[in-house]
Amino acid sequence: EQKYLGFLISSEGDNMANIKAIRKKSFGVIRTIMNKLERLKLRQYYFECAVLFMNVILRGSILYASETYYNLTENQLRNIERIEEGYMRKVLNTSRCCPIVQLYLELGQWPARFEIQKSRLLFLKLILEQEENSMVYMFLQLQIENPTKGDWATTCKTDLKKLKISESF
């Protein structure tokens, strides 16, 4: 495993090493946010600020460079989403028996998987707007011409299908 620009890269070629590192880091981030919420004495603005902190601080730390994720399994996605769900449970002071859907609905949020898809497709758009001789554009073209199971370009194609976006590369 090697850390590169804050992202843990594994020789296994999967995302789990980085997700585990994010999970460890998130404990401190959540503790910091909860301390801020308590110190600020926000009263009726408590939940509004908690959502802002979730979107800005927590998601910013756990979804850093998530546009580069590829071939995420359901288990890996759930590991990322459990971090946010743990935070929402603390904010709402609920037990584990409270349905996950209710947490997201109550705070007006959506699961991290959709944020990951959004950032990946925005990154794809940015790459497609690059000049044809740029390294990242040529790398994408190689993946499109020679697809392998679970590569980044194939993951983008899957996202486009799931979201029923009919645009081509």
Foldseek 3Di string as FASTA:
>chain_A
DDADPNADDDPVRARVVRLVVLLVVLVVQLVVLVVVLVVVPPVVCSLVVLLVCCVPPSCCSNCPVLLQHWPDDPVSQVSSQVSVLVSLCVSVVHDPVPDSVCSCVVSVHDRCVVVSLVSNVVVVVVLVPDDCPDPSVVVLVVCVVPPDPTHSNVRNVVSCVVVVPPDDD
